[in-house]
Amino acid sequence: MTDWSKLPADVLGLIARRLHFVEDRLRFGLVCKSWRMVMLQTDRFSCSLLPWLMLTEKEESDMRRVYSPFNDMVYELSLPEICGRRCWGSPHGWLVTLDVAYNMHLLNPLSRVQIFLPPLHKCSNLENLVCCPETFRNTYVYKAVLSSDPSSANCVVLAIYSDNKMAFTKPGDVAWTPLHCGPSFVSDVIYFGGNFYAVDSSGNITICDSKGSHLKTVSLPVQEVDNELGETSIYLVELGGHIHVVQRIMYDTKIYDLPVLRTWNFVIYRVDVCNEKWEEVKSLGDWSIFIGSNHSFSISASDYPECLRNCIYFTDDYSGLYYNTTTYLTYDIGTYDLDGPRIQTFLREDVSRFNFSLPVWIKPSVSSTPIQNMQQTWIHIGAASESLAGANKLSM
């Protein structure tokens, strides 16, 4: 009889790299100790798991559902740690969270490991803060992103708050360092090539060095929305080693006299920051982009054949601002196929009564999941996949 535990590690690594779904990767790791070690190393160095859409918080529940659009499955995770917290997703397997008492953490939803961050509300550019803790969580902090896995010495956490303020910190720091900001609303921020890049609502890209000093500003002629019911959001994403600006154009459907924004179109620019040049991009080729209330990121459909090429996967990052308890709406979630171009809504999720809780993209990682927690994590995912695969699965 073949002893599967003695298969060469390089052969097992080739197999593991082809497993892009979390459940398959975890099954692989549960075969035996040697397979588990290969799985952890593969996840650490290849980051080859497909993204999840983490859904919103529900009343009186410690469980949080996640949805995979690539196999149309819904899973449940026990995550009491994030109850009552605002969450921002990342492509590094971790969430950035903020609770109603100003506390910020990094959290891995598979291992449930947490890392404390210094208090953002005590940052030096918020000396005269007039904001209650609930408002600070719900709307004052707009976005928080991660530059890399927190296990990396170069990991940086970036935050946008108070419309046009930014700061950064690192795990283990005792305070946040402010970044240079202009007068316009800051839409998105990323860390790339050792510098910080932030884009505002006017299309201006501000570049700061790793100490927070302003280097330069590059202006883009972003498309004007020529309708009084139109809105726009702007995102920054690294794609193939180049900075791209993604402009999301939405229109207000005005249901029940309440702002209800729905995505209509996207415009994409590739930016040459050094030469201060830009060009509009009509095709992403084999790439796909994931945007919303998360660190904007891209993946290659050549590496992930389950993913749609030349496509933008988008999720809602604004409905929580408009929701009230007398109106029931659904989130603006779907795909934008640049080959069409066309939009397809792939998930209809009722708006949570918690206006701070929005669906977020996260690329899961099992590399930091302790061995002793692996079995428990798998039980939550496996049981949910079976129970929700039929009638209880989210409608399309």
Protein backbone atom coordinates (compact mmCIF):
# COMPACT_ATOMS: atom_id res chain seq x y z
CA MET A 1 0.00 0.00 0.00
CA THR A 2 1.27 3.47 -0.91
CA ASP A 3 2.29 5.70 1.99
CA TRP A 4 0.83 9.05 0.84
CA SER A 5 2.61 10.89 3.64
CA LYS A 6 5.96 10.14 1.99
CA LEU A 7 5.21 11.79 -1.36
CA PRO A 8 7.95 14.32 -2.28
CA ALA A 9 7.23 17.84 -1.03
CA ASP A 10 7.85 19.38 -4.47
CA VAL A 11 5.20 17.12 -6.02
CA LEU A 12 2.73 17.94 -3.26
CA GLY A 13 3.49 21.65 -3.74
CA LEU A 14 2.59 21.43 -7.44
CA ILE A 15 -0.73 19.84 -6.49
CA ALA A 16 -1.49 22.34 -3.72
CA ARG A 17 -0.86 25.33 -6.01
CA ARG A 18 -3.68 24.12 -8.28
CA LEU A 19 -6.17 24.17 -5.40
CA HIS A 20 -7.70 27.65 -5.51
CA PHE A 21 -10.72 27.09 -3.22
CA VAL A 22 -10.30 27.28 0.55
CA GLU A 23 -12.23 24.06 1.20
CA ASP A 24 -9.99 22.09 -1.20
CA ARG A 25 -6.82 23.54 0.33
CA LEU A 26 -8.00 22.70 3.85
CA ARG A 27 -8.97 19.14 2.85
CA PHE A 28 -5.48 18.76 1.44
CA GLY A 29 -3.94 19.98 4.69
CA LEU A 30 -5.97 17.59 6.82
CA VAL A 31 -4.61 14.44 5.14
CA CYS A 32 -1.54 14.26 7.37
CA LYS A 33 1.11 16.44 9.01
CA SER A 34 3.48 16.45 6.01
CA TRP A 35 0.68 17.50 3.62
CA ARG A 36 -0.40 20.19 6.08
CA MET A 37 3.09 21.68 6.19
CA VAL A 38 3.21 21.77 2.38
CA MET A 39 -0.18 23.48 2.33
CA LEU A 40 0.95 26.17 4.77
CA GLN A 41 4.13 26.85 2.82
CA THR A 42 2.27 26.95 -0.50
CA ASP A 43 -0.26 29.45 0.82
CA ARG A 44 2.47 31.63 2.32
CA PHE A 45 4.46 31.92 -0.89
CA SER A 46 1.90 31.62 -3.70
CA CYS A 47 -1.26 33.23 -2.17
CA SER A 48 -3.27 31.22 -4.67
CA LEU A 49 -6.69 31.21 -2.98
CA LEU A 50 -9.64 32.83 -4.73
CA PRO A 51 -11.36 35.82 -3.06
CA TRP A 52 -14.41 35.61 -0.85
CA LEU A 53 -17.15 38.18 -0.42
CA MET A 54 -17.70 38.48 3.33
CA LEU A 55 -21.35 39.35 3.87
CA THR A 56 -22.91 41.67 6.42
CA GLU A 57 -23.48 41.27 10.14
CA LYS A 58 -26.85 39.85 11.19
CA GLU A 59 -28.70 40.45 14.42
CA GLU A 60 -27.98 38.20 17.39
CA SER A 61 -25.48 36.02 15.56
CA ASP A 62 -21.76 35.37 15.97
CA MET A 63 -21.68 33.66 12.58
CA ARG A 64 -20.55 35.51 9.47
CA ARG A 65 -21.36 34.23 5.99
CA VAL A 66 -18.89 34.38 3.12
CA TYR A 67 -19.77 33.89 -0.53
CA SER A 68 -17.61 32.51 -3.34
CA PRO A 69 -18.87 33.66 -6.77
CA PHE A 70 -16.50 31.20 -8.47
CA ASN A 71 -18.31 28.06 -7.30
CA ASP A 72 -21.53 29.75 -6.13
CA MET A 73 -21.17 28.55 -2.56
CA VAL A 74 -21.90 30.14 0.81
CA TYR A 75 -19.98 29.24 3.96
CA GLU A 76 -20.27 30.22 7.61
CA LEU A 77 -17.51 31.16 10.01
CA SER A 78 -17.81 31.66 13.74
CA LEU A 79 -16.47 35.20 14.22
CA PRO A 80 -17.70 36.70 17.50
CA GLU A 81 -14.60 38.93 17.42
CA ILE A 82 -16.04 41.16 14.67
CA CYS A 83 -19.57 41.61 16.05
CA GLY A 84 -20.25 45.34 16.19
CA ARG A 85 -17.11 46.17 14.21
CA ARG A 86 -16.63 47.95 10.91
CA CYS A 87 -14.53 45.72 8.62
CA TRP A 88 -12.35 46.39 5.59
CA GLY A 89 -11.11 43.50 3.46
CA SER A 90 -7.68 42.88 1.96
CA PRO A 91 -5.92 40.54 -0.49
CA HIS A 92 -3.58 39.41 2.31
CA GLY A 93 -6.00 37.21 4.28
CA TRP A 94 -6.63 39.76 7.04
CA LEU A 95 -9.37 42.23 7.92
CA VAL A 96 -8.87 45.68 9.41
CA THR A 97 -11.55 46.21 12.07
CA LEU A 98 -12.84 49.16 14.11
CA ASP A 99 -15.23 48.90 17.05
CA VAL A 100 -17.51 51.36 18.78
CA ALA A 101 -14.87 52.16 21.42
CA TYR A 102 -12.28 53.44 18.87
CA ASN A 103 -10.31 50.15 19.06
CA MET A 104 -8.67 48.97 15.83
CA HIS A 105 -7.34 45.48 15.09
CA LEU A 106 -6.09 43.24 12.33
CA LEU A 107 -7.92 39.91 12.27
CA ASN A 108 -7.47 36.72 10.25
CA PRO A 109 -11.02 35.31 9.85
CA LEU A 110 -9.77 31.72 9.46
CA SER A 111 -7.36 31.56 12.40
CA ARG A 112 -9.17 34.26 14.44
CA VAL A 113 -5.75 35.66 15.38
CA GLN A 114 -5.88 39.38 16.21
CA ILE A 115 -3.23 42.10 16.21
CA PHE A 116 -3.83 45.35 18.09
CA LEU A 117 -3.30 48.68 16.32
CA PRO A 118 -2.69 52.04 18.02
CA PRO A 119 -5.75 54.32 18.54
CA LEU A 120 -6.39 56.29 15.35
CA HIS A 121 -8.55 58.87 17.10
CA LYS A 122 -5.43 60.03 18.98
CA CYS A 123 -3.49 60.76 15.80
CA SER A 124 -1.79 64.16 15.87
CA ASN A 125 -3.96 65.58 13.07
CA LEU A 126 -7.10 64.90 15.14
CA GLU A 127 -6.27 66.97 18.20
CA ASN A 128 -9.64 68.73 18.09
CA LEU A 129 -11.74 65.66 17.27
CA VAL A 130 -15.45 66.22 17.91
CA CYS A 131 -17.00 62.86 17.11
CA CYS A 132 -18.76 60.22 19.20
CA PRO A 133 -17.37 56.65 19.08
CA GLU A 134 -20.36 55.33 17.11
CA THR A 135 -20.04 57.98 14.39
CA PHE A 136 -16.26 57.44 14.29
CA ARG A 137 -16.86 53.76 13.50
CA ASN A 138 -19.86 54.19 11.18
CA THR A 139 -18.77 56.99 8.86
CA TYR A 140 -15.80 59.04 10.13
CA VAL A 141 -13.22 56.44 9.07
CA TYR A 142 -13.79 55.83 5.37
CA LYS A 143 -11.30 53.09 4.53
CA ALA A 144 -8.33 51.14 5.93
CA VAL A 145 -6.00 49.01 3.82
CA LEU A 146 -3.00 46.69 4.30
CA SER A 147 0.18 46.78 2.24
CA SER A 148 1.10 43.14 2.89
CA ASP A 149 0.63 40.20 5.26
CA PRO A 150 1.14 41.37 8.88
CA SER A 151 3.85 38.74 9.29
CA SER A 152 5.98 40.79 6.89
CA ALA A 153 8.36 43.35 8.40
CA ASN A 154 7.20 45.78 5.69
CA CYS A 155 3.49 45.57 6.57
CA VAL A 156 1.85 49.00 6.67
CA VAL A 157 -1.74 49.88 7.60
CA LEU A 158 -3.19 52.97 5.86
CA ALA A 159 -6.37 54.78 6.90
CA ILE A 160 -8.56 57.48 5.32
CA TYR A 161 -10.77 59.48 7.68
CA SER A 162 -12.47 62.83 8.16
CA ASP A 163 -12.95 63.04 4.34
CA ASN A 164 -9.45 64.29 3.54
CA LYS A 165 -7.10 63.02 6.26
CA MET A 166 -4.75 60.04 6.06
CA ALA A 167 -2.30 58.28 8.37
CA PHE A 168 -0.28 55.08 8.49
CA THR A 169 1.06 52.72 11.13
CA LYS A 170 2.77 49.34 11.42
CA PRO A 171 1.91 46.41 13.70
CA GLY A 172 3.78 47.09 16.94
CA ASP A 173 3.84 50.89 16.53
CA VAL A 174 2.43 53.02 19.35
CA ALA A 175 0.97 55.79 17.16
CA TRP A 176 -0.17 56.71 13.64
CA THR A 177 1.89 58.98 11.36
CA PRO A 178 -0.13 61.56 9.35
CA LEU A 179 0.26 61.78 5.56
CA HIS A 180 0.12 64.87 3.38
CA CYS A 181 -3.45 65.57 2.17
CA GLY A 182 -5.05 68.06 -0.19
CA PRO A 183 -8.42 69.78 0.27
CA SER A 184 -10.48 67.24 -1.73
CA PHE A 185 -12.14 64.05 -0.49
CA VAL A 186 -9.64 61.16 -0.48
CA SER A 187 -11.18 58.18 -2.31
CA ASP A 188 -8.54 55.47 -2.05
CA VAL A 189 -4.95 54.81 -0.96
CA ILE A 190 -2.37 52.07 -1.58
CA TYR A 191 1.27 51.35 -0.74
CA PHE A 192 3.35 50.57 -3.84
CA GLY A 193 7.08 50.43 -4.51
CA GLY A 194 7.94 51.90 -1.10
CA ASN A 195 5.67 54.94 -1.47
CA PHE A 196 2.09 55.86 -0.58
CA TYR A 197 -0.35 56.73 -3.37
CA ALA A 198 -3.69 58.40 -2.64
CA VAL A 199 -6.34 59.50 -5.15
CA ASP A 200 -8.98 62.13 -4.40
CA SER A 201 -12.42 62.79 -5.85
CA SER A 202 -10.95 65.17 -8.45
CA GLY A 203 -8.58 62.55 -9.82
CA ASN A 204 -5.41 63.96 -8.24
CA ILE A 205 -2.87 61.32 -7.19
CA THR A 206 -0.71 62.35 -4.23
CA ILE A 207 2.55 60.45 -3.67
CA CYS A 208 4.30 60.41 -0.27
CA ASP A 209 7.44 58.58 0.83
CA SER A 210 7.64 56.00 3.61
CA LYS A 211 8.10 58.78 6.18
CA GLY A 212 4.95 60.61 5.09
CA SER A 213 6.69 63.46 3.25
CA HIS A 214 4.97 64.75 0.11
CA LEU A 215 6.81 63.91 -3.12
CA LYS A 216 4.53 65.00 -5.96
CA THR A 217 0.93 65.21 -7.19
CA VAL A 218 -0.24 63.91 -10.59
CA SER A 219 -3.58 65.12 -11.97
CA LEU A 220 -5.86 62.98 -14.15
CA PRO A 221 -8.70 64.25 -16.38
CA VAL A 222 -11.29 61.91 -14.86
CA GLN A 223 -14.60 61.62 -16.68
CA GLU A 224 -17.29 64.08 -15.60
CA VAL A 225 -20.70 62.67 -14.71
CA ASP A 226 -23.10 64.76 -16.78
CA ASN A 227 -26.27 63.88 -14.90
CA GLU A 228 -27.50 65.42 -11.65
CA LEU A 229 -28.42 61.93 -10.46
CA GLY A 230 -24.92 60.59 -11.16
CA GLU A 231 -22.21 59.80 -8.61
CA THR A 232 -18.66 58.57 -8.98
CA SER A 233 -16.14 56.66 -6.86
CA ILE A 234 -12.43 56.35 -7.63
CA TYR A 235 -10.10 53.48 -6.71
CA LEU A 236 -6.37 52.77 -6.98
CA VAL A 237 -5.15 49.30 -7.91
CA GLU A 238 -1.81 47.78 -8.84
CA LEU A 239 -2.11 45.65 -11.96
CA GLY A 240 0.84 43.96 -13.61
CA GLY A 241 3.32 46.24 -11.84
CA HIS A 242 1.57 49.46 -12.86
CA ILE A 243 -0.70 51.88 -10.98
CA HIS A 244 -4.23 52.02 -12.37
CA VAL A 245 -7.10 54.37 -11.51
CA VAL A 246 -10.60 52.87 -11.69
CA GLN A 247 -13.51 55.30 -11.92
CA ARG A 248 -16.88 53.82 -10.99
CA ILE A 249 -19.90 55.70 -12.36
CA MET A 250 -23.23 55.21 -10.58
CA TYR A 251 -26.73 56.58 -10.94
CA ASP A 252 -29.29 57.30 -8.24
CA THR A 253 -32.55 55.41 -8.81
CA LYS A 254 -34.35 57.47 -6.12
CA ILE A 255 -36.48 54.65 -4.71
CA TYR A 256 -38.85 55.96 -2.02
CA ASP A 257 -37.06 59.34 -2.22
CA LEU A 258 -33.98 57.62 -0.76
CA PRO A 259 -30.61 57.66 -2.54
CA VAL A 260 -30.16 54.20 -4.09
CA LEU A 261 -26.97 54.10 -6.15
CA ARG A 262 -26.42 51.46 -8.82
CA THR A 263 -23.25 50.95 -10.84
CA TRP A 264 -23.55 51.93 -14.49
CA ASN A 265 -20.09 52.08 -16.00
CA PHE A 266 -16.33 52.00 -15.33
CA VAL A 267 -13.45 53.99 -16.79
CA ILE A 268 -9.86 52.77 -16.25
CA TYR A 269 -6.59 54.69 -16.57
CA ARG A 270 -3.03 53.37 -16.48
CA VAL A 271 -0.76 55.96 -14.85
CA ASP A 272 2.93 56.59 -15.49
CA VAL A 273 3.70 58.46 -12.29
CA CYS A 274 7.38 59.11 -13.06
CA ASN A 275 6.60 60.87 -16.34
CA GLU A 276 3.23 62.19 -15.14
CA LYS A 277 1.42 60.57 -18.07
CA TRP A 278 -1.76 58.53 -18.27
CA GLU A 279 -3.78 56.60 -20.83
CA GLU A 280 -7.29 55.22 -20.79
CA VAL A 281 -7.40 51.41 -20.81
CA LYS A 282 -10.17 49.68 -22.77
CA SER A 283 -9.21 46.13 -21.82
CA LEU A 284 -7.67 44.42 -18.78
CA GLY A 285 -6.54 41.42 -20.82
CA ASP A 286 -6.33 38.38 -18.57
CA TRP A 287 -6.67 40.46 -15.39
CA SER A 288 -9.63 40.97 -13.07
CA ILE A 289 -10.07 43.72 -10.47
CA PHE A 290 -11.85 43.58 -7.09
CA ILE A 291 -13.13 46.84 -5.63
CA GLY A 292 -15.40 47.99 -2.81
CA SER A 293 -14.93 48.62 0.91
CA ASN A 294 -11.59 46.86 0.78
CA HIS A 295 -8.01 47.16 -0.37
CA SER A 296 -8.49 47.24 -4.16
CA PHE A 297 -6.59 44.37 -5.80
CA SER A 298 -6.19 42.45 -9.05
CA ILE A 299 -5.64 38.80 -9.95
CA SER A 300 -4.72 37.07 -13.21
CA ALA A 301 -7.28 34.78 -14.85
CA SER A 302 -4.32 32.88 -16.33
CA ASP A 303 -3.40 31.86 -12.78
CA TYR A 304 -7.03 31.52 -11.66
CA PRO A 305 -9.01 29.86 -14.51
CA GLU A 306 -12.17 29.96 -12.34
CA CYS A 307 -12.13 33.78 -12.49
CA LEU A 308 -13.62 35.83 -15.35
CA ARG A 309 -10.93 37.59 -17.38
CA ASN A 310 -11.19 41.28 -18.36
CA CYS A 311 -13.73 41.83 -15.60
CA ILE A 312 -14.31 44.05 -12.57
CA TYR A 313 -15.85 42.39 -9.50
CA PHE A 314 -17.49 45.13 -7.46
CA THR A 315 -19.28 45.32 -4.15
CA ASP A 316 -21.23 48.04 -2.40
CA ASP A 317 -19.28 50.56 -0.33
CA TYR A 318 -21.91 53.27 0.15
CA SER A 319 -25.44 51.87 0.81
CA GLY A 320 -24.89 51.79 4.55
CA LEU A 321 -24.78 55.59 4.48
CA TYR A 322 -28.35 55.80 3.17
CA TYR A 323 -30.13 52.88 4.79
CA ASN A 324 -33.04 53.39 7.19
CA THR A 325 -35.20 50.83 8.96
CA THR A 326 -38.35 51.55 6.92
CA THR A 327 -36.87 50.76 3.51
CA TYR A 328 -35.56 47.39 2.38
CA LEU A 329 -33.01 47.42 -0.40
CA THR A 330 -30.29 45.20 -1.83
CA TYR A 331 -26.61 45.95 -2.17
CA ASP A 332 -24.96 46.97 -5.43
CA ILE A 333 -22.89 43.82 -6.09
CA GLY A 334 -21.91 42.27 -9.39
CA THR A 335 -19.46 42.02 -12.26
CA TYR A 336 -18.61 44.43 -15.07
CA ASP A 337 -17.44 42.62 -18.19
CA LEU A 338 -15.33 44.95 -20.33
CA ASP A 339 -15.78 42.67 -23.37
CA GLY A 340 -19.49 43.60 -23.47
CA PRO A 341 -19.43 45.91 -21.79
CA ARG A 342 -22.18 44.65 -19.51
CA ILE A 343 -23.07 44.40 -15.83
CA GLN A 344 -24.37 41.25 -14.17
CA THR A 345 -25.68 41.20 -10.61
CA PHE A 346 -24.58 37.91 -9.08
CA LEU A 347 -25.83 38.21 -5.50
CA ARG A 348 -28.91 39.73 -3.89
CA GLU A 349 -28.25 40.37 -0.22
CA ASP A 350 -30.72 42.33 1.92
CA VAL A 351 -29.23 45.45 3.43
CA SER A 352 -28.19 44.91 7.04
CA ARG A 353 -29.76 47.10 9.70
CA PHE A 354 -26.19 47.81 10.84
CA ASN A 355 -25.21 50.68 8.57
CA PHE A 356 -21.51 50.23 9.38
CA SER A 357 -21.57 46.64 8.03
CA LEU A 358 -21.04 46.27 4.28
CA PRO A 359 -20.04 43.31 2.08
CA VAL A 360 -16.24 43.28 1.60
CA TRP A 361 -13.83 41.36 -0.62
CA ILE A 362 -11.13 39.38 1.16
CA LYS A 363 -8.61 36.92 -0.22
CA PRO A 364 -8.42 34.21 2.49
CA SER A 365 -5.11 32.83 3.75
CA VAL A 366 -4.48 29.69 5.78
CA SER A 367 -0.73 30.19 6.16
CA SER A 368 -1.11 31.90 9.55
CA THR A 369 -3.76 29.48 10.83
CA PRO A 370 -2.32 27.54 13.80
CA ILE A 371 -2.24 23.78 13.31
CA GLN A 372 -4.45 23.23 16.37
CA ASN A 373 -7.13 25.52 14.89
CA MET A 374 -7.21 23.87 11.45
CA GLN A 375 -9.74 21.17 12.32
CA GLN A 376 -12.09 23.66 14.00
CA THR A 377 -11.91 26.04 11.04
CA TRP A 378 -12.70 23.25 8.63
CA ILE A 379 -15.73 22.11 10.64
CA HIS A 380 -17.32 25.56 10.34
CA ILE A 381 -16.70 25.79 6.60
CA GLY A 382 -17.60 22.18 5.75
CA ALA A 383 -20.85 22.13 7.69
CA ALA A 384 -22.00 25.41 6.19
CA SER A 385 -21.15 24.36 2.64
CA GLU A 386 -23.40 21.32 2.97
CA SER A 387 -26.33 23.04 4.67
CA LEU A 388 -26.38 26.10 2.38
CA ALA A 389 -25.68 24.43 -0.94
CA GLY A 390 -29.37 23.79 -1.58
CA ALA A 391 -32.46 25.79 -0.62
CA ASN A 392 -30.64 27.88 1.97
CA LYS A 393 -28.00 29.14 -0.43
CA LEU A 394 -28.24 32.81 -1.39
CA SER A 395 -30.39 33.44 -4.44
CA MET A 396 -28.81 34.55 -7.69
